[in-house]
Protein backbone atom coordinates (compact mmCIF):
# COMPACT_ATOMS: atom_id res chain seq x y z
CA UNK A 1 48.72 160.18 45.90
CA UNK A 2 48.73 156.71 45.76
CA UNK A 3 49.70 154.15 48.38
CA UNK A 4 52.31 151.20 48.26
CA UNK A 5 51.87 148.39 50.50
CA UNK A 6 54.41 148.30 53.66
CA UNK A 7 55.27 151.97 52.69
CA UNK A 8 54.56 155.82 52.32
CA UNK A 9 55.86 156.55 49.12
CA UNK A 10 54.88 158.91 47.09
CA UNK A 11 54.45 159.49 43.32
CA UNK A 12 55.61 162.53 41.21
CA UNK A 13 54.01 163.80 37.92
CA UNK A 14 53.98 161.19 35.05
CA UNK A 15 53.56 158.56 37.55
CA UNK A 16 56.85 157.93 38.39
CA UNK A 17 57.66 156.35 41.96
CA UNK A 18 60.24 158.47 43.49
CA UNK A 19 60.10 156.40 46.83
CA UNK A 20 60.96 153.15 45.27
CA UNK A 21 64.29 154.34 43.42
CA UNK A 22 65.83 155.51 46.82
CA UNK A 23 64.84 152.13 48.65
CA UNK A 24 66.62 150.05 45.68
CA UNK A 25 69.84 152.42 46.40
CA UNK A 26 69.98 151.72 49.88
CA UNK A 27 69.64 148.07 49.72
CA UNK A 28 72.43 148.14 47.44
CA UNK A 29 74.51 149.67 49.67
CA UNK A 30 73.46 147.11 52.86
CA UNK A 31 74.36 144.25 50.49
CA UNK A 32 77.49 145.94 49.85
CA UNK A 33 78.62 146.52 53.67
CA UNK A 34 77.54 142.64 54.87
CA UNK A 35 79.70 141.33 51.90
CA UNK A 36 82.67 143.89 52.58
CA UNK A 37 82.62 142.69 56.52
CA UNK A 38 82.35 138.78 55.64
CA UNK A 39 85.67 139.28 53.48
CA UNK A 40 87.22 141.23 55.95
CA UNK A 41 86.57 139.03 58.83
CA UNK A 42 87.62 135.98 56.81
CA UNK A 43 90.41 137.88 55.69
CA UNK A 44 91.55 138.30 59.86
CA UNK A 45 90.72 134.48 60.18
CA UNK A 46 93.21 133.58 57.49
CA UNK A 47 95.80 135.66 58.61
CA UNK A 48 95.39 134.71 62.21
CA UNK A 49 95.37 130.76 61.24
CA UNK A 50 98.44 131.49 59.08
CA UNK A 51 100.36 132.93 62.20
CA UNK A 52 99.53 130.15 64.53
CA UNK A 53 100.95 126.51 64.76
CA UNK A 54 100.66 123.48 66.85
CA UNK A 55 103.35 121.71 69.01
CA UNK A 56 102.91 117.90 69.97
CA UNK A 57 105.49 114.93 71.09
CA UNK A 58 105.80 111.69 73.41
CA UNK A 59 107.11 111.77 76.75
CA UNK A 60 109.16 108.80 77.98
CA UNK A 61 111.54 107.72 80.44
CA UNK A 62 115.18 106.63 79.93
CA UNK A 63 114.08 103.20 79.03
CA UNK A 64 111.35 104.18 76.36
CA UNK A 65 108.29 103.68 78.46
CA UNK A 66 105.69 106.47 78.40
CA UNK A 67 105.06 108.48 81.13
CA UNK A 68 101.42 109.39 81.97
CA UNK A 69 100.35 112.62 83.64
CA UNK A 70 103.44 114.55 83.31
CA UNK A 71 103.27 118.13 83.20
CA UNK A 72 104.32 119.87 80.29
CA UNK A 73 104.50 124.03 80.12
CA UNK A 74 105.43 126.10 77.17
CA UNK A 75 106.74 129.47 77.61
CA UNK A 76 107.97 132.56 75.24
CA UNK A 77 109.69 135.27 75.45
CA UNK A 78 106.47 137.87 76.32
CA UNK A 79 106.07 135.58 79.16
CA UNK A 80 102.89 133.65 78.11
CA UNK A 81 102.67 130.42 79.20
CA UNK A 82 100.49 127.25 78.34
CA UNK A 83 100.29 124.07 80.43
CA UNK A 84 98.93 120.63 79.50
CA UNK A 85 99.40 116.96 80.67
CA UNK A 86 100.20 114.00 78.89
CA UNK A 87 98.02 111.03 78.17
CA UNK A 88 97.98 107.52 78.60
CA UNK A 89 100.08 107.29 75.43
CA UNK A 90 102.28 109.79 76.90
CA UNK A 91 101.49 112.37 74.32
CA UNK A 92 100.89 116.19 74.93
CA UNK A 93 99.36 118.75 72.38
CA UNK A 94 99.23 122.40 72.23
CA UNK A 95 97.05 123.96 69.38
CA UNK A 96 97.50 127.29 68.03
CA UNK A 97 100.66 128.43 69.65
CA UNK A 98 101.33 131.90 68.22
CA UNK A 99 104.30 131.58 66.11
CA UNK A 100 107.59 132.34 67.20
CA UNK A 101 110.66 130.76 69.77
CA UNK A 102 109.55 128.97 72.85
CA UNK A 103 110.94 127.08 75.78
CA UNK A 104 109.57 123.43 76.57
CA UNK A 105 109.33 122.39 80.39
CA UNK A 106 108.68 118.74 81.20
CA UNK A 107 108.00 117.46 85.00
CA UNK A 108 107.04 114.19 86.55
CA UNK A 109 107.14 112.68 90.03
CA UNK A 110 110.23 110.70 90.81
CA UNK A 111 111.83 112.24 87.45
CA UNK A 112 114.25 115.10 86.83
CA UNK A 113 113.21 118.25 84.98
CA UNK A 114 113.25 118.55 81.28
CA UNK A 115 113.86 121.63 79.70
CA UNK A 116 114.66 122.28 76.06
CA UNK A 117 115.03 126.13 74.77
CA UNK A 118 114.56 127.23 70.90
CA UNK A 119 111.64 125.40 70.09
CA UNK A 120 110.30 126.89 67.16
CA UNK A 121 106.34 127.33 66.05
CA UNK A 122 106.08 127.83 62.23
CA UNK A 123 102.76 129.33 61.15
CA UNK A 124 100.17 126.64 59.84
CA UNK A 125 102.40 123.85 60.76
CA UNK A 126 102.67 121.47 63.48
CA UNK A 127 105.96 120.80 65.30
CA UNK A 128 107.02 117.57 67.31
CA UNK A 129 109.64 117.52 70.14
CA UNK A 130 109.71 114.52 72.27
CA UNK A 131 110.98 114.83 75.54
CA UNK A 132 112.98 111.88 77.66
CA UNK A 133 112.90 112.11 81.31
CA UNK A 134 115.71 110.77 83.72
CA UNK A 135 115.11 109.03 86.91
CA UNK A 136 115.71 111.88 89.49
CA UNK A 137 116.11 112.05 93.67
CA UNK A 138 113.90 114.02 95.76
CA UNK A 139 115.63 116.03 97.77
CA UNK A 140 114.79 116.17 101.98
CA UNK A 141 116.16 118.86 104.11
CA UNK A 142 116.52 118.26 108.07
CA UNK A 143 117.14 120.89 110.44
CA UNK A 144 118.66 120.09 113.63
CA UNK A 145 118.17 122.35 116.62
CA UNK A 146 121.46 122.26 118.41
CA UNK A 147 119.16 123.48 121.77
CA UNK A 148 117.41 120.12 121.80
CA UNK A 149 119.39 117.84 124.27
CA UNK A 150 118.86 114.14 124.22
CA UNK A 151 116.08 112.53 126.86
CA UNK A 152 114.93 109.27 127.51
CA UNK A 153 111.89 110.39 128.86
CA UNK A 154 108.96 108.74 126.63
CA UNK A 155 107.02 112.01 126.51
CA UNK A 156 109.90 114.04 124.77
CA UNK A 157 110.82 110.72 122.34
CA UNK A 158 110.06 112.05 118.80
CA UNK A 159 109.42 109.07 117.31
CA UNK A 160 107.13 107.68 119.87
CA UNK A 161 103.19 107.75 118.75
CA UNK A 162 100.83 108.32 121.72
CA UNK A 163 97.45 107.30 121.10
CA UNK A 164 94.67 108.64 123.28
CA UNK A 165 91.17 108.40 123.97
CA UNK A 166 90.24 110.02 120.39
CA UNK A 167 92.82 108.71 118.36
CA UNK A 168 91.99 105.08 120.02
CA UNK A 169 88.40 104.97 119.33
CA UNK A 170 89.42 104.92 115.59
CA UNK A 171 91.06 101.50 116.01
CA UNK A 172 88.94 98.13 115.57
CA UNK A 173 87.16 96.63 118.72
CA UNK A 174 87.81 93.10 118.43
CA UNK A 175 91.16 92.35 120.49
CA UNK A 176 92.45 90.37 117.21
CA UNK A 177 92.15 93.17 114.74
CA UNK A 178 93.48 95.67 117.69
CA UNK A 179 96.42 93.50 118.08
CA UNK A 180 97.25 93.53 114.39
CA UNK A 181 96.51 97.26 114.12
CA UNK A 182 98.96 98.09 116.83
CA UNK A 183 101.60 95.68 115.40
CA UNK A 184 101.21 97.30 112.31
CA UNK A 185 101.50 100.95 113.40
CA UNK A 186 104.38 99.62 115.27
CA UNK A 187 106.38 99.06 112.16
CA UNK A 188 109.42 96.84 111.72
CA UNK A 189 110.19 95.06 115.10
CA UNK A 190 113.44 94.26 116.77
CA UNK A 191 112.62 90.72 116.77
CA UNK A 192 111.03 87.50 114.65
CA UNK A 193 107.50 87.44 116.88
CA UNK A 194 106.42 91.09 116.35
CA UNK A 195 106.52 94.29 118.68
CA UNK A 196 106.83 93.69 122.29
CA UNK A 197 103.87 94.28 124.28
CA UNK A 198 104.29 95.90 127.89
CA UNK A 199 100.81 96.20 129.75
CA UNK A 200 101.18 98.15 132.68
CA UNK A 201 104.87 98.23 132.78
CA UNK A 202 105.10 94.61 132.42
CA UNK A 203 105.89 92.67 129.54
CA UNK A 204 102.81 90.53 127.80
CA UNK A 205 104.02 87.02 126.68
CA UNK A 206 100.16 86.04 126.39
CA UNK A 207 99.03 86.71 122.85
CA UNK A 208 95.84 88.25 123.82
CA UNK A 209 95.15 92.29 124.48
CA UNK A 210 92.98 93.48 126.82
CA UNK A 211 89.52 94.85 125.79
CA UNK A 212 89.68 98.38 124.21
CA UNK A 213 87.26 99.80 126.91
CA UNK A 214 90.02 99.12 129.57
CA UNK A 215 92.77 100.71 127.64
CA UNK A 216 93.45 104.31 128.74
CA UNK A 217 96.48 104.72 126.76
CA UNK A 218 98.95 103.22 124.27
CA UNK A 219 102.30 104.38 123.68
CA UNK A 220 104.14 102.62 120.64
CA UNK A 221 108.01 103.03 120.04
CA UNK A 222 108.49 104.95 123.23
CA UNK A 223 111.24 105.49 125.55
CA UNK A 224 113.85 103.39 123.40
CA UNK A 225 116.59 103.60 126.21
CA UNK A 226 115.05 102.84 128.78
CA UNK A 227 117.16 99.79 130.24
CA UNK A 228 114.62 97.75 132.15
CA UNK A 229 113.16 96.79 128.31
CA UNK A 230 113.75 93.52 127.52
CA UNK A 231 114.81 94.62 123.99
CA UNK A 232 115.73 97.90 122.04
CA UNK A 233 112.25 100.34 122.69
CA UNK A 234 111.86 100.37 118.69
CA UNK A 235 108.44 98.39 117.87
CA UNK A 236 107.58 98.25 121.59
CA UNK A 237 103.94 98.44 122.27
CA UNK A 238 103.07 99.91 125.69
CA UNK A 239 99.53 99.86 127.20
CA UNK A 240 98.22 101.47 130.08
CA UNK A 241 95.10 100.14 131.71
CA UNK A 242 92.32 102.35 133.07
CA UNK A 243 92.10 102.88 136.60
CA UNK A 244 88.78 103.26 138.95
CA UNK A 245 87.09 107.11 138.97
CA UNK A 246 85.81 108.87 141.90
CA UNK A 247 82.28 108.84 140.89
CA UNK A 248 80.72 105.59 139.93
CA UNK A 249 80.40 104.68 136.38
CA UNK A 250 79.47 101.91 134.01
CA UNK A 251 78.34 101.31 130.14
CA UNK A 252 77.19 98.38 128.22
CA UNK A 253 77.23 97.42 124.35
CA UNK A 254 76.14 94.70 121.90
CA UNK A 255 76.84 94.31 118.59
CA UNK A 256 75.30 92.27 116.23
CA UNK A 257 75.91 91.06 112.44
CA UNK A 258 74.41 88.61 110.07
CA UNK A 259 75.32 86.79 106.52
CA UNK A 260 72.46 88.80 105.09
CA UNK A 261 74.83 91.89 105.44
CA UNK A 262 77.74 90.20 103.84
CA UNK A 263 78.74 89.48 100.24
CA UNK A 264 78.48 85.77 99.35
CA UNK A 265 82.13 83.82 98.96
CA UNK A 266 82.44 83.31 95.56
CA UNK A 267 83.48 79.46 96.10
CA UNK A 268 79.98 78.46 97.19
CA UNK A 269 76.36 78.49 95.46
CA UNK A 270 74.85 80.59 98.45
CA UNK A 271 75.55 82.30 101.45
CA UNK A 272 76.94 80.38 104.35
CA UNK A 273 75.52 80.85 107.54
CA UNK A 274 77.01 83.38 109.81
CA UNK A 275 76.36 85.57 112.98
CA UNK A 276 78.70 87.87 115.44
CA UNK A 277 76.97 88.69 118.62
CA UNK A 278 79.10 90.49 120.91
CA UNK A 279 77.96 92.25 124.15
CA UNK A 280 79.67 93.44 127.33
CA UNK A 281 80.37 96.13 129.33
CA UNK A 282 82.50 98.13 131.95
CA UNK A 283 81.94 99.49 135.62
CA UNK A 284 84.12 101.50 137.71
CA UNK A 285 84.42 103.85 140.60
CA UNK A 286 85.28 104.49 144.33
CA UNK A 287 85.28 101.63 147.37
CA UNK A 288 86.56 103.78 149.83
CA UNK A 289 86.51 107.32 148.69
CA UNK A 290 90.26 108.72 148.05
CA UNK A 291 91.43 105.59 149.42
CA UNK A 292 90.68 102.85 146.74
CA UNK A 293 89.10 102.46 143.73
CA UNK A 294 88.17 99.83 140.85
CA UNK A 295 87.34 99.44 137.14
CA UNK A 296 86.24 96.06 135.70
CA UNK A 297 85.06 94.92 132.06
CA UNK A 298 83.80 92.06 130.34
CA UNK A 299 83.47 91.12 126.96
CA UNK A 300 81.94 88.35 125.32
CA UNK A 301 82.28 87.14 121.37
CA UNK A 302 80.00 84.68 119.64
CA UNK A 303 80.83 83.63 116.43
CA UNK A 304 79.04 81.35 114.21
CA UNK A 305 82.00 81.34 111.63
CA UNK A 306 82.53 78.55 108.45
CA UNK A 307 84.97 77.41 106.75
CA UNK A 308 84.69 76.62 102.80
CA UNK A 309 86.15 73.21 101.79
CA UNK A 310 86.90 72.91 98.23
CA UNK A 311 88.15 69.59 97.22
CA UNK A 312 88.11 66.33 95.04
CA UNK A 313 87.30 63.25 96.51
CA UNK A 314 86.57 59.51 95.16
CA UNK A 315 82.77 58.96 94.84
CA UNK A 316 81.03 55.59 95.18
CA UNK A 317 82.42 54.34 91.91
CA UNK A 318 86.03 55.25 92.36
CA UNK A 319 85.22 58.60 90.41
CA UNK A 320 86.53 61.80 91.45
CA UNK A 321 84.05 64.68 91.84
CA UNK A 322 84.20 67.72 93.04
CA UNK A 323 83.21 68.70 96.76
CA UNK A 324 82.39 72.18 97.48
CA UNK A 325 80.53 73.17 100.92
CA UNK A 326 80.94 75.34 103.98
CA UNK A 327 81.06 73.69 107.74
CA UNK A 328 79.88 76.02 110.56
CA UNK A 329 82.76 76.78 112.93
CA UNK A 330 81.25 78.06 116.01
CA UNK A 331 83.75 80.32 118.09
CA UNK A 332 83.27 81.74 121.72
CA UNK A 333 85.44 84.23 123.28
CA UNK A 334 85.41 85.68 126.78
CA UNK A 335 87.28 88.39 128.31
CA UNK A 336 87.24 89.58 131.78
CA UNK A 337 89.35 91.79 133.33
CA UNK A 338 89.55 93.79 136.97
CA UNK A 339 91.58 96.28 138.66
CA UNK A 340 92.01 97.72 142.02
CA UNK A 341 94.06 100.54 143.25
CA UNK A 342 94.35 101.46 146.76
CA UNK A 343 96.37 103.98 148.29
CA UNK A 344 97.88 102.28 151.39
CA UNK A 345 99.32 105.97 152.51
CA UNK A 346 100.73 109.19 151.33
CA UNK A 347 104.06 107.36 150.14
CA UNK A 348 102.59 103.72 149.22
CA UNK A 349 100.15 102.60 146.24
CA UNK A 350 99.00 99.16 145.73
CA UNK A 351 97.70 98.02 142.39
CA UNK A 352 95.97 94.49 141.44
CA UNK A 353 95.03 93.61 138.17
CA UNK A 354 93.64 90.35 137.16
CA UNK A 355 92.34 89.22 133.58
CA UNK A 356 90.69 86.17 131.97
CA UNK A 357 90.34 84.99 128.66
CA UNK A 358 89.07 81.77 126.84
CA UNK A 359 88.91 80.65 123.61
CA UNK A 360 86.66 78.02 122.64
CA UNK A 361 86.56 77.04 118.67
CA UNK A 362 84.74 73.70 117.53
CA UNK A 363 85.56 72.39 113.87
CA UNK A 364 88.83 73.70 113.78
CA UNK A 365 91.21 72.61 111.15
CA UNK A 366 88.67 72.43 108.52
CA UNK A 367 88.60 74.29 105.14
CA UNK A 368 90.40 74.10 101.67
CA UNK A 369 91.18 70.40 101.24
CA UNK A 370 90.59 69.43 104.55
CA UNK A 371 87.04 67.43 105.11
CA UNK A 372 84.99 68.04 107.80
CA UNK A 373 86.32 64.48 109.34
CA UNK A 374 89.82 66.00 110.23
CA UNK A 375 87.90 68.39 112.54
CA UNK A 376 89.19 68.98 116.00
CA UNK A 377 88.30 71.10 118.95
CA UNK A 378 90.35 74.05 120.29
CA UNK A 379 90.14 75.37 123.90
CA UNK A 380 92.93 78.14 125.31
CA UNK A 381 92.15 79.85 128.56
CA UNK A 382 94.66 82.21 129.99
CA UNK A 383 94.66 84.02 133.17
CA UNK A 384 96.96 86.62 134.25
CA UNK A 385 97.53 88.13 137.79
CA UNK A 386 99.94 91.35 138.37
CA UNK A 387 100.59 92.89 141.64
CA UNK A 388 102.43 96.05 142.23
CA UNK A 389 103.59 98.07 144.48
CA UNK A 390 104.71 102.13 144.03
CA UNK A 391 106.46 103.69 147.04
CA UNK A 392 108.10 107.02 147.31
CA UNK A 393 111.13 106.86 149.38
CA UNK A 394 112.27 110.64 149.18
CA UNK A 395 111.20 113.43 147.39
CA UNK A 396 113.78 112.04 144.80
CA UNK A 397 113.74 108.29 145.05
CA UNK A 398 111.19 106.08 143.73
CA UNK A 399 110.49 102.00 143.91
CA UNK A 400 108.31 100.01 142.09
CA UNK A 401 107.88 96.23 142.73
CA UNK A 402 106.02 93.97 140.59
CA UNK A 403 104.62 90.49 140.54
CA UNK A 404 103.36 88.85 137.31
CA UNK A 405 101.86 85.73 136.85
CA UNK A 406 100.42 84.45 133.51
CA UNK A 407 98.76 80.57 133.16
CA UNK A 408 97.40 79.30 129.74
CA UNK A 409 96.42 75.67 128.66
CA UNK A 410 96.09 75.29 124.93
CA UNK A 411 93.90 71.93 124.42
CA UNK A 412 93.47 69.92 121.27
CA UNK A 413 90.90 67.24 121.20
CA UNK A 414 90.22 65.81 117.39
CA UNK A 415 86.66 64.58 116.81
CA UNK A 416 88.46 61.32 115.12
CA UNK A 417 91.45 59.34 116.22
CA UNK A 418 91.37 57.19 112.52
CA UNK A 419 94.50 57.39 110.88
CA UNK A 420 94.75 60.53 108.38
CA UNK A 421 94.51 60.30 104.42
CA UNK A 422 96.26 62.88 102.82
CA UNK A 423 95.92 63.23 98.71
CA UNK A 424 97.84 65.60 97.68
CA UNK A 425 96.46 68.26 95.68
CA UNK A 426 92.92 66.88 95.65
CA UNK A 427 91.56 66.35 99.71
CA UNK A 428 92.60 65.49 103.39
CA UNK A 429 90.33 63.03 105.36
CA UNK A 430 90.59 60.96 108.21
CA UNK A 431 91.50 61.84 111.74
CA UNK A 432 93.16 65.04 112.69
CA UNK A 433 96.98 64.55 113.23
CA UNK A 434 97.03 66.90 115.99
CA UNK A 435 96.00 63.88 118.59
CA UNK A 436 94.62 64.76 122.02
CA UNK A 437 97.65 67.41 122.85
CA UNK A 438 98.22 69.89 125.56
CA UNK A 439 100.41 72.56 126.40
CA UNK A 440 99.98 74.15 129.95
CA UNK A 441 102.14 76.84 130.62
CA UNK A 442 102.85 79.12 133.78
CA UNK A 443 105.48 82.13 133.28
CA UNK A 444 106.17 84.37 136.87
CA UNK A 445 108.17 87.36 136.98
CA UNK A 446 109.30 89.09 139.65
CA UNK A 447 110.73 92.98 139.23
CA UNK A 448 111.74 95.57 141.43
CA UNK A 449 113.40 99.25 139.95
CA UNK A 450 114.60 102.24 141.28
CA UNK A 451 114.68 105.55 140.16
CA UNK A 452 116.85 108.42 141.81
CA UNK A 453 117.05 112.02 140.75
CA UNK A 454 119.90 114.00 141.56
CA UNK A 455 120.26 117.51 139.95
CA UNK A 456 120.46 117.12 136.07
CA UNK A 457 121.12 113.28 136.67
CA UNK A 458 118.72 110.54 136.70
CA UNK A 459 119.53 106.81 137.85
CA UNK A 460 117.49 103.82 137.02
CA UNK A 461 118.45 100.51 138.59
CA UNK A 462 116.71 97.36 139.18
CA UNK A 463 116.66 93.39 138.88
CA UNK A 464 114.09 90.79 137.35
CA UNK A 465 113.60 87.36 137.98
CA UNK A 466 112.09 84.83 136.00
CA UNK A 467 110.76 81.41 136.14
CA UNK A 468 108.61 79.33 133.44
CA UNK A 469 107.20 76.18 133.74
CA UNK A 470 106.14 74.27 130.28
CA UNK A 471 104.55 70.94 129.95
CA UNK A 472 104.23 69.79 126.18
CA UNK A 473 102.00 66.64 125.30
CA UNK A 474 102.06 66.57 122.00
CA UNK A 475 100.88 63.03 120.29
CA UNK A 476 101.26 64.58 117.05
CA UNK A 477 100.60 61.92 114.34
CA UNK A 478 100.01 59.35 116.83
CA UNK A 479 97.31 57.79 115.00
CA UNK A 480 99.22 57.26 111.75
CA UNK A 481 98.96 58.87 108.16
CA UNK A 482 98.87 57.95 104.52
CA UNK A 483 99.88 59.99 102.15
CA UNK A 484 99.31 59.50 98.44
CA UNK A 485 101.32 61.70 95.33
CA UNK A 486 101.40 61.19 91.69
CA UNK A 487 104.16 59.71 90.14
CA UNK A 488 104.68 56.69 87.65
CA UNK A 489 102.47 53.72 87.45
CA UNK A 490 101.81 50.74 84.75
CA UNK A 491 99.29 51.21 82.30
CA UNK A 492 96.70 48.99 82.63
CA UNK A 493 94.12 47.20 80.28
CA UNK A 494 90.54 46.73 80.40
CA UNK A 495 90.60 43.84 83.08
CA UNK A 496 92.80 46.04 85.40
CA UNK A 497 96.01 43.98 84.39
CA UNK A 498 99.71 45.43 83.32
CA UNK A 499 99.95 45.93 79.94
CA UNK A 500 103.86 44.87 77.92
CA UNK A 501 105.06 45.95 74.73
CA UNK A 502 106.21 43.70 71.99
CA UNK A 503 109.62 43.05 73.75
CA UNK A 504 108.41 42.36 77.06
CA UNK A 505 108.99 45.64 78.87
CA UNK A 506 106.26 46.82 81.06
CA UNK A 507 104.42 50.11 79.91
CA UNK A 508 104.25 53.01 82.25
CA UNK A 509 102.62 56.23 82.60
CA UNK A 510 102.22 59.47 84.71
CA UNK A 511 99.33 59.65 87.29
CA UNK A 512 98.20 62.18 89.65
CA UNK A 513 97.78 61.60 93.42
CA UNK A 514 93.98 60.84 93.20
CA UNK A 515 94.51 58.15 90.57
CA UNK A 516 97.18 56.67 92.63
């Protein structure tokens, strides 16, 4: 017996290798099977490819502009569907769709739906079908509940927005930013001066809001039918301040911000110095248990702000040169308020509210083309005193008497009283044209309102008396001003003398304001 490597093959008589012939026969069958499988798969793939086609196209509007991110869907009678979106060029593509008849659907926000039936997909070819969408109209459905009746109560006003503690915490802490946020929430006002602000039932003619920590609730666009409103209630902002509590409570806070935490102004080479220091606190509690309580708050903001000057001035040799620098504009704002609630008896409640606000700003009026010498000091103290008495005259009648007084005095004090120099488009120098101005005002309001309820009817009646005292001292531009603008000027030679042409006519040219 002879051994053959990699197998146990026997040899017969005469040295014939019996196992080797059997092995070659098996190998030939395997090769034939592999070739047959590859040929079959290739034939199936070719048949499959020949039974499919592509669909593409561009989606445009009625003016020819392409539509991005339009939803495109194709469906066939069998119910199969494929979806895609248009690219930035408004083109869509479906690759490898089975040959047959398809339906094309196209949708885009703000446009009417597009549908095209009978789109034929030919095997081995690419079909192109464009779609044009027309501007559509959104459908809105309004359900009117006939069981609801007209109600002048603010709580029942569907268009009112009531901000309580949780929602109010998301608003800004700064009173100026808080006022801007509330004005934005109020939407389009009914007058040119923004939404009307009412604090504890009285119109607030001052431009400053109480601190956020003293506010209990805010109602926007509430009770538009109420007769005691000065204007239509739409756009009205009603603020209810926080009364005292049964237990003594207080809190304190401190906020800090520095220029190192802020980005650089692109008009200056380095960060301008800036700091915000905000500190304050509240305290409230009982004075006489179940009879009198108080709530007080103080807030002070010290801002080391700055203004950026970006102007063109004349240098020592009367050559224009650029000036880009920052000027410190310190601001100090103080807001102090207190409220006292006294229960005189079971039918009478007395409420006192006092608020003091002061804004002191240095180097106001500087920035842009205005140089540092145009600065002036700004001071605005505002004091508000409000006394109200609510009386329950009977189980069906309530009377509320309120006395409200606001005193404010805006004072401007310029750093220089030199004449102003305004070079249009270049710089503004000299003294501030505001002068030593003052504008003290005093506004007194007395109002009384009666609420009477009888069955299904409610009657509100009242009267209001106002007195306003204004003293306006405004020496505007008393220091005089010189204004330079561009225009036409004679052409000068090297010696500064006018130049004439051959006929003796004066030659002129256009010059800028700083050249003049």
